[in-house]
Amino acid sequence: MSYTAYEVAEWMVKEVRFAGILYQQEAVDHIAKHFGEAFIYVNENGNRSIDKEVKKIFKKLHSGRAAWDRDGFFWGWT
């Protein structure tokens, strides 16, 4: 099955809303396993990260209700 960036972003919103928190590493692992490696890339620091288009859609979908914690590398529902 082929997924879209929108579907991946929807999963992220549902996850952070339900759990209250979504750690980036757990999201990367889940996305790679369930949606495919196409939504993951290696950033300039050599770390696996979520596709920029997915993060852009995620930001639109949560409308400011999820805040990024830079120190903890997670999104928290506000």
PDB file of N, CA and C in Angstrom:
ATOM      1  N   MET A   1       0.845  -1.194   0.000  1.00  0.00           N
ATOM      2  CA  MET A   1       0.000   0.000   0.000  1.00  0.00           C
ATOM      3  C   MET A   1       0.884   1.249   0.000  1.00  0.00           C
ATOM      4  N   SER A   2       0.441   2.229  -0.713  1.00  0.00           N
ATOM      5  CA  SER A   2       1.185   3.480  -0.817  1.00  0.00           C
ATOM      6  C   SER A   2       0.492   4.558   0.022  1.00  0.00           C
ATOM      7  N   TYR A   3       1.272   5.260   0.802  1.00  0.00           N
ATOM      8  CA  TYR A   3       0.736   6.307   1.672  1.00  0.00           C
ATOM      9  C   TYR A   3       1.140   7.678   1.165  1.00  0.00           C
ATOM     10  N   THR A   4       0.449   8.689   1.669  1.00  0.00           N
ATOM     11  CA  THR A   4       0.776  10.077   1.332  1.00  0.00           C
ATOM     12  C   THR A   4       1.354  10.778   2.557  1.00  0.00           C
ATOM     13  N   ALA A   5       2.021  11.891   2.309  1.00  0.00           N
ATOM     14  CA  ALA A   5       2.554  12.704   3.403  1.00  0.00           C
ATOM     15  C   ALA A   5       1.413  13.161   4.317  1.00  0.00           C
ATOM     16  N   TYR A   6       0.256  13.421   3.728  1.00  0.00           N
ATOM     17  CA  TYR A   6      -0.905  13.855   4.510  1.00  0.00           C
ATOM     18  C   TYR A   6      -1.322  12.770   5.506  1.00  0.00           C
ATOM     19  N   GLU A   7      -1.336  11.519   5.057  1.00  0.00           N
ATOM     20  CA  GLU A   7      -1.723  10.416   5.951  1.00  0.00           C
ATOM     21  C   GLU A   7      -0.725  10.240   7.096  1.00  0.00           C
ATOM     22  N   VAL A   8       0.539  10.426   6.794  1.00  0.00           N
ATOM     23  CA  VAL A   8       1.569  10.326   7.835  1.00  0.00           C
ATOM     24  C   VAL A   8       1.385  11.448   8.853  1.00  0.00           C
ATOM     25  N   ALA A   9       1.145  12.662   8.361  1.00  0.00           N
ATOM     26  CA  ALA A   9       0.935  13.806   9.245  1.00  0.00           C
ATOM     27  C   ALA A   9      -0.325  13.624  10.095  1.00  0.00           C
ATOM     28  N   GLU A  10      -1.370  13.060   9.503  1.00  0.00           N
ATOM     29  CA  GLU A  10      -2.597  12.775  10.266  1.00  0.00           C
ATOM     30  C   GLU A  10      -2.309  11.813  11.404  1.00  0.00           C
ATOM     31  N   TRP A  11      -1.503  10.780  11.132  1.00  0.00           N
ATOM     32  CA  TRP A  11      -1.143   9.829  12.188  1.00  0.00           C
ATOM     33  C   TRP A  11      -0.414  10.556  13.315  1.00  0.00           C
ATOM     34  N   MET A  12       0.513  11.439  12.953  1.00  0.00           N
ATOM     35  CA  MET A  12       1.265  12.184  13.971  1.00  0.00           C
ATOM     36  C   MET A  12       0.341  13.011  14.853  1.00  0.00           C
ATOM     37  N   VAL A  13      -0.619  13.702  14.244  1.00  0.00           N
ATOM     38  CA  VAL A  13      -1.562  14.524  15.018  1.00  0.00           C
ATOM     39  C   VAL A  13      -2.385  13.646  15.953  1.00  0.00           C
ATOM     40  N   LYS A  14      -2.914  12.538  15.426  1.00  0.00           N
ATOM     41  CA  LYS A  14      -3.709  11.631  16.269  1.00  0.00           C
ATOM     42  C   LYS A  14      -2.872  11.104  17.428  1.00  0.00           C
ATOM     43  N   GLU A  15      -1.648  10.749  17.154  1.00  0.00           N
ATOM     44  CA  GLU A  15      -0.775  10.180  18.181  1.00  0.00           C
ATOM     45  C   GLU A  15      -0.470  11.188  19.286  1.00  0.00           C
ATOM     46  N   VAL A  16      -0.086  12.396  18.912  1.00  0.00           N
ATOM     47  CA  VAL A  16       0.252  13.392  19.930  1.00  0.00           C
ATOM     48  C   VAL A  16      -0.994  13.835  20.690  1.00  0.00           C
ATOM     49  N   ARG A  17      -2.140  13.890  20.015  1.00  0.00           N
ATOM     50  CA  ARG A  17      -3.384  14.263  20.695  1.00  0.00           C
ATOM     51  C   ARG A  17      -3.788  13.189  21.703  1.00  0.00           C
ATOM     52  N   PHE A  18      -3.696  11.922  21.299  1.00  0.00           N
ATOM     53  CA  PHE A  18      -4.104  10.812  22.166  1.00  0.00           C
ATOM     54  C   PHE A  18      -3.137  10.629  23.332  1.00  0.00           C
ATOM     55  N   ALA A  19      -1.844  10.594  23.052  1.00  0.00           N
ATOM     56  CA  ALA A  19      -0.846  10.306  24.085  1.00  0.00           C
ATOM     57  C   ALA A  19      -0.404  11.559  24.835  1.00  0.00           C
ATOM     58  N   GLY A  20      -0.610  12.735  24.233  1.00  0.00           N
ATOM     59  CA  GLY A  20      -0.186  13.975  24.865  1.00  0.00           C
ATOM     60  C   GLY A  20       1.256  14.333  24.542  1.00  0.00           C
ATOM     61  N   ILE A  21       1.988  13.371  23.989  1.00  0.00           N
ATOM     62  CA  ILE A  21       3.400  13.573  23.689  1.00  0.00           C
ATOM     63  C   ILE A  21       3.799  12.618  22.562  1.00  0.00           C
ATOM     64  N   LEU A  22       4.683  13.082  21.692  1.00  0.00           N
ATOM     65  CA  LEU A  22       5.187  12.243  20.613  1.00  0.00           C
ATOM     66  C   LEU A  22       6.674  12.519  20.460  1.00  0.00           C
ATOM     67  N   TYR A  23       7.477  11.533  20.820  1.00  0.00           N
ATOM     68  CA  TYR A  23       8.927  11.673  20.698  1.00  0.00           C
ATOM     69  C   TYR A  23       9.347  11.495  19.251  1.00  0.00           C
ATOM     70  N   GLN A  24      10.252  12.354  18.795  1.00  0.00           N
ATOM     71  CA  GLN A  24      10.679  12.311  17.398  1.00  0.00           C
ATOM     72  C   GLN A  24      11.227  10.941  17.013  1.00  0.00           C
ATOM     73  N   GLN A  25      12.072  10.345  17.853  1.00  0.00           N
ATOM     74  CA  GLN A  25      12.675   9.061  17.489  1.00  0.00           C
ATOM     75  C   GLN A  25      11.620   7.968  17.348  1.00  0.00           C
ATOM     76  N   GLU A  26      10.631   7.972  18.244  1.00  0.00           N
ATOM     77  CA  GLU A  26       9.551   6.987  18.150  1.00  0.00           C
ATOM     78  C   GLU A  26       8.728   7.220  16.888  1.00  0.00           C
ATOM     79  N   ALA A  27       8.496   8.482  16.550  1.00  0.00           N
ATOM     80  CA  ALA A  27       7.747   8.813  15.333  1.00  0.00           C
ATOM     81  C   ALA A  27       8.521   8.367  14.098  1.00  0.00           C
ATOM     82  N   VAL A  28       9.819   8.637  14.065  1.00  0.00           N
ATOM     83  CA  VAL A  28      10.658   8.229  12.929  1.00  0.00           C
ATOM     84  C   VAL A  28      10.595   6.716  12.752  1.00  0.00           C
ATOM     85  N   ASP A  29      10.760   5.983  13.845  1.00  0.00           N
ATOM     86  CA  ASP A  29      10.734   4.518  13.776  1.00  0.00           C
ATOM     87  C   ASP A  29       9.378   4.000  13.286  1.00  0.00           C
ATOM     88  N   HIS A  30       8.302   4.553  13.833  1.00  0.00           N
ATOM     89  CA  HIS A  30       6.951   4.121  13.448  1.00  0.00           C
ATOM     90  C   HIS A  30       6.677   4.442  11.976  1.00  0.00           C
ATOM     91  N   ILE A  31       7.015   5.650  11.568  1.00  0.00           N
ATOM     92  CA  ILE A  31       6.772   6.065  10.185  1.00  0.00           C
ATOM     93  C   ILE A  31       7.541   5.171   9.218  1.00  0.00           C
ATOM     94  N   ALA A  32       8.816   4.916   9.508  1.00  0.00           N
ATOM     95  CA  ALA A  32       9.623   4.066   8.624  1.00  0.00           C
ATOM     96  C   ALA A  32       9.024   2.669   8.514  1.00  0.00           C
ATOM     97  N   LYS A  33       8.581   2.125   9.646  1.00  0.00           N
ATOM     98  CA  LYS A  33       8.057   0.756   9.671  1.00  0.00           C
ATOM     99  C   LYS A  33       6.670   0.640   9.037  1.00  0.00           C
ATOM    100  N   HIS A  34       5.796   1.600   9.317  1.00  0.00           N
ATOM    101  CA  HIS A  34       4.395   1.489   8.903  1.00  0.00           C
ATOM    102  C   HIS A  34       4.031   2.263   7.635  1.00  0.00           C
ATOM    103  N   PHE A  35       4.766   3.329   7.340  1.00  0.00           N
ATOM    104  CA  PHE A  35       4.444   4.143   6.166  1.00  0.00           C
ATOM    105  C   PHE A  35       5.524   4.069   5.092  1.00  0.00           C
ATOM    106  N   GLY A  36       6.747   3.732   5.480  1.00  0.00           N
ATOM    107  CA  GLY A  36       7.830   3.584   4.514  1.00  0.00           C
ATOM    108  C   GLY A  36       8.965   4.573   4.704  1.00  0.00           C
ATOM    109  N   GLU A  37      10.134   4.146   4.275  1.00  0.00           N
ATOM    110  CA  GLU A  37      11.349   4.960   4.391  1.00  0.00           C
ATOM    111  C   GLU A  37      11.289   6.232   3.542  1.00  0.00           C
ATOM    112  N   ALA A  38      10.367   6.288   2.596  1.00  0.00           N
ATOM    113  CA  ALA A  38      10.251   7.470   1.734  1.00  0.00           C
ATOM    114  C   ALA A  38       9.935   8.730   2.539  1.00  0.00           C
ATOM    115  N   PHE A  39       9.390   8.564   3.740  1.00  0.00           N
ATOM    116  CA  PHE A  39       9.021   9.701   4.583  1.00  0.00           C
ATOM    117  C   PHE A  39      10.096  10.045   5.615  1.00  0.00           C
ATOM    118  N   ILE A  40      11.250   9.429   5.479  1.00  0.00           N
ATOM    119  CA  ILE A  40      12.368   9.637   6.399  1.00  0.00           C
ATOM    120  C   ILE A  40      13.590  10.058   5.581  1.00  0.00           C
ATOM    121  N   TYR A  41      14.376  10.961   6.141  1.00  0.00           N
ATOM    122  CA  TYR A  41      15.640  11.340   5.495  1.00  0.00           C
ATOM    123  C   TYR A  41      16.702  11.516   6.576  1.00  0.00           C
ATOM    124  N   VAL A  42      17.957  11.582   6.164  1.00  0.00           N
ATOM    125  CA  VAL A  42      19.056  11.823   7.105  1.00  0.00           C
ATOM    126  C   VAL A  42      19.386  13.313   7.041  1.00  0.00           C
ATOM    127  N   ASN A  43      19.290  13.978   8.197  1.00  0.00           N
ATOM    128  CA  ASN A  43      19.508  15.431   8.230  1.00  0.00           C
ATOM    129  C   ASN A  43      21.007  15.766   8.249  1.00  0.00           C
ATOM    130  N   GLU A  44      21.294  17.061   8.310  1.00  0.00           N
ATOM    131  CA  GLU A  44      22.683  17.531   8.249  1.00  0.00           C
ATOM    132  C   GLU A  44      23.530  17.076   9.440  1.00  0.00           C
ATOM    133  N   ASN A  45      22.882  16.679  10.529  1.00  0.00           N
ATOM    134  CA  ASN A  45      23.602  16.167  11.701  1.00  0.00           C
ATOM    135  C   ASN A  45      23.801  14.658  11.650  1.00  0.00           C
ATOM    136  N   GLY A  46      23.321  14.034  10.574  1.00  0.00           N
ATOM    137  CA  GLY A  46      23.465  12.592  10.429  1.00  0.00           C
ATOM    138  C   GLY A  46      22.378  11.781  11.116  1.00  0.00           C
ATOM    139  N   ASN A  47      21.320  12.465  11.570  1.00  0.00           N
ATOM    140  CA  ASN A  47      20.217  11.779  12.259  1.00  0.00           C
ATOM    141  C   ASN A  47      19.046  11.564  11.314  1.00  0.00           C
ATOM    142  N   ARG A  48      18.328  10.464  11.533  1.00  0.00           N
ATOM    143  CA  ARG A  48      17.119  10.209  10.751  1.00  0.00           C
ATOM    144  C   ARG A  48      16.037  11.182  11.209  1.00  0.00           C
ATOM    145  N   SER A  49      15.339  11.750  10.259  1.00  0.00           N
ATOM    146  CA  SER A  49      14.327  12.752  10.562  1.00  0.00           C
ATOM    147  C   SER A  49      13.101  12.535   9.678  1.00  0.00           C
ATOM    148  N   ILE A  50      12.029  13.221  10.038  1.00  0.00           N
ATOM    149  CA  ILE A  50      10.764  13.119   9.310  1.00  0.00           C
ATOM    150  C   ILE A  50      10.787  14.078   8.127  1.00  0.00           C
ATOM    151  N   ASP A  51      10.323  13.598   7.003  1.00  0.00           N
ATOM    152  CA  ASP A  51      10.257  14.372   5.765  1.00  0.00           C
ATOM    153  C   ASP A  51       9.693  15.764   6.010  1.00  0.00           C
ATOM    154  N   LYS A  52      10.278  16.759   5.390  1.00  0.00           N
ATOM    155  CA  LYS A  52       9.871  18.150   5.610  1.00  0.00           C
ATOM    156  C   LYS A  52       8.432  18.412   5.171  1.00  0.00           C
ATOM    157  N   GLU A  53       7.986  17.763   4.114  1.00  0.00           N
ATOM    158  CA  GLU A  53       6.599  17.936   3.663  1.00  0.00           C
ATOM    159  C   GLU A  53       5.627  17.392   4.711  1.00  0.00           C
ATOM    160  N   VAL A  54       5.966  16.260   5.334  1.00  0.00           N
ATOM    161  CA  VAL A  54       5.134  15.690   6.398  1.00  0.00           C
ATOM    162  C   VAL A  54       5.049  16.668   7.561  1.00  0.00           C
ATOM    163  N   LYS A  55       6.188  17.234   7.954  1.00  0.00           N
ATOM    164  CA  LYS A  55       6.200  18.177   9.080  1.00  0.00           C
ATOM    165  C   LYS A  55       5.422  19.447   8.754  1.00  0.00           C
ATOM    166  N   LYS A  56       5.466  19.876   7.509  1.00  0.00           N
ATOM    167  CA  LYS A  56       4.715  21.062   7.085  1.00  0.00           C
ATOM    168  C   LYS A  56       3.213  20.803   7.201  1.00  0.00           C
ATOM    169  N   ILE A  57       2.772  19.658   6.729  1.00  0.00           N
ATOM    170  CA  ILE A  57       1.351  19.295   6.808  1.00  0.00           C
ATOM    171  C   ILE A  57       0.946  19.101   8.271  1.00  0.00           C
ATOM    172  N   PHE A  58       1.790  18.444   9.056  1.00  0.00           N
ATOM    173  CA  PHE A  58       1.545  18.235  10.489  1.00  0.00           C
ATOM    174  C   PHE A  58       1.298  19.579  11.176  1.00  0.00           C
ATOM    175  N   LYS A  59       2.138  20.549  10.866  1.00  0.00           N
ATOM    176  CA  LYS A  59       2.002  21.876  11.482  1.00  0.00           C
ATOM    177  C   LYS A  59       0.660  22.507  11.138  1.00  0.00           C
ATOM    178  N   LYS A  60       0.229  22.372   9.878  1.00  0.00           N
ATOM    179  CA  LYS A  60      -1.080  22.917   9.472  1.00  0.00           C
ATOM    180  C   LYS A  60      -2.216  22.188  10.185  1.00  0.00           C
ATOM    181  N   LEU A  61      -2.094  20.872  10.299  1.00  0.00           N
ATOM    182  CA  LEU A  61      -3.169  20.079  10.901  1.00  0.00           C
ATOM    183  C   LEU A  61      -3.332  20.331  12.397  1.00  0.00           C
ATOM    184  N   HIS A  62      -2.238  20.522  13.113  1.00  0.00           N
ATOM    185  CA  HIS A  62      -2.388  20.719  14.564  1.00  0.00           C
ATOM    186  C   HIS A  62      -2.680  22.170  14.920  1.00  0.00           C
ATOM    187  N   SER A  63      -2.539  23.081  13.995  1.00  0.00           N
ATOM    188  CA  SER A  63      -2.918  24.494  14.176  1.00  0.00           C
ATOM    189  C   SER A  63      -2.381  25.109  15.457  1.00  0.00           C
ATOM    190  N   GLY A  64      -1.139  24.805  15.784  1.00  0.00           N
ATOM    191  CA  GLY A  64      -0.528  25.395  16.969  1.00  0.00           C
ATOM    192  C   GLY A  64      -0.822  24.672  18.267  1.00  0.00           C
ATOM    193  N   ARG A  65      -1.555  23.557  18.210  1.00  0.00           N
ATOM    194  CA  ARG A  65      -1.908  22.840  19.439  1.00  0.00           C
ATOM    195  C   ARG A  65      -0.819  21.863  19.886  1.00  0.00           C
ATOM    196  N   ALA A  66       0.171  21.622  19.026  1.00  0.00           N
ATOM    197  CA  ALA A  66       1.303  20.777  19.400  1.00  0.00           C
ATOM    198  C   ALA A  66       2.547  21.651  19.422  1.00  0.00           C
ATOM    199  N   ALA A  67       3.271  21.611  20.518  1.00  0.00           N
ATOM    200  CA  ALA A  67       4.470  22.426  20.665  1.00  0.00           C
ATOM    201  C   ALA A  67       5.705  21.530  20.640  1.00  0.00           C
ATOM    202  N   TRP A  68       6.733  21.974  19.940  1.00  0.00           N
ATOM    203  CA  TRP A  68       7.982  21.234  19.839  1.00  0.00           C
ATOM    204  C   TRP A  68       8.859  21.574  21.035  1.00  0.00           C
ATOM    205  N   ASP A  69       9.331  20.548  21.740  1.00  0.00           N
ATOM    206  CA  ASP A  69      10.278  20.727  22.832  1.00  0.00           C
ATOM    207  C   ASP A  69      11.665  20.431  22.285  1.00  0.00           C
ATOM    208  N   ARG A  70      12.438  21.485  22.071  1.00  0.00           N
ATOM    209  CA  ARG A  70      13.752  21.391  21.447  1.00  0.00           C
ATOM    210  C   ARG A  70      14.731  20.560  22.278  1.00  0.00           C
ATOM    211  N   ASP A  71      14.633  20.658  23.582  1.00  0.00           N
ATOM    212  CA  ASP A  71      15.560  19.920  24.461  1.00  0.00           C
ATOM    213  C   ASP A  71      15.216  18.440  24.555  1.00  0.00           C
ATOM    214  N   GLY A  72      13.902  18.127  24.551  1.00  0.00           N
ATOM    215  CA  GLY A  72      13.466  16.751  24.719  1.00  0.00           C
ATOM    216  C   GLY A  72      13.215  16.006  23.420  1.00  0.00           C
ATOM    217  N   PHE A  73      13.274  16.728  22.303  1.00  0.00           N
ATOM    218  CA  PHE A  73      13.022  16.148  20.982  1.00  0.00           C
ATOM    219  C   PHE A  73      11.661  15.467  20.918  1.00  0.00           C
ATOM    220  N   PHE A  74      10.616  16.207  21.329  1.00  0.00           N
ATOM    221  CA  PHE A  74       9.256  15.670  21.242  1.00  0.00           C
ATOM    222  C   PHE A  74       8.270  16.812  21.019  1.00  0.00           C
ATOM    223  N   TRP A  75       7.087  16.431  20.559  1.00  0.00           N
ATOM    224  CA  TRP A  75       5.960  17.347  20.448  1.00  0.00           C
ATOM    225  C   TRP A  75       5.034  17.059  21.618  1.00  0.00           C
ATOM    226  N   GLY A  76       4.505  18.092  22.216  1.00  0.00           N
ATOM    227  CA  GLY A  76       3.549  17.951  23.311  1.00  0.00           C
ATOM    228  C   GLY A  76       2.249  18.650  22.956  1.00  0.00           C
ATOM    229  N   TRP A  77       1.126  18.034  23.288  1.00  0.00           N
ATOM    230  CA  TRP A  77      -0.184  18.629  23.032  1.00  0.00           C
ATOM    231  C   TRP A  77      -0.429  19.737  24.045  1.00  0.00           C
ATOM    232  N   THR A  78      -0.859  20.892  23.569  1.00  0.00           N
ATOM    233  CA  THR A  78      -1.050  22.029  24.478  1.00  0.00           C
ATOM    234  C   THR A  78      -2.517  22.296  24.724  1.00  0.00           C
TER     235      THR A  78
END
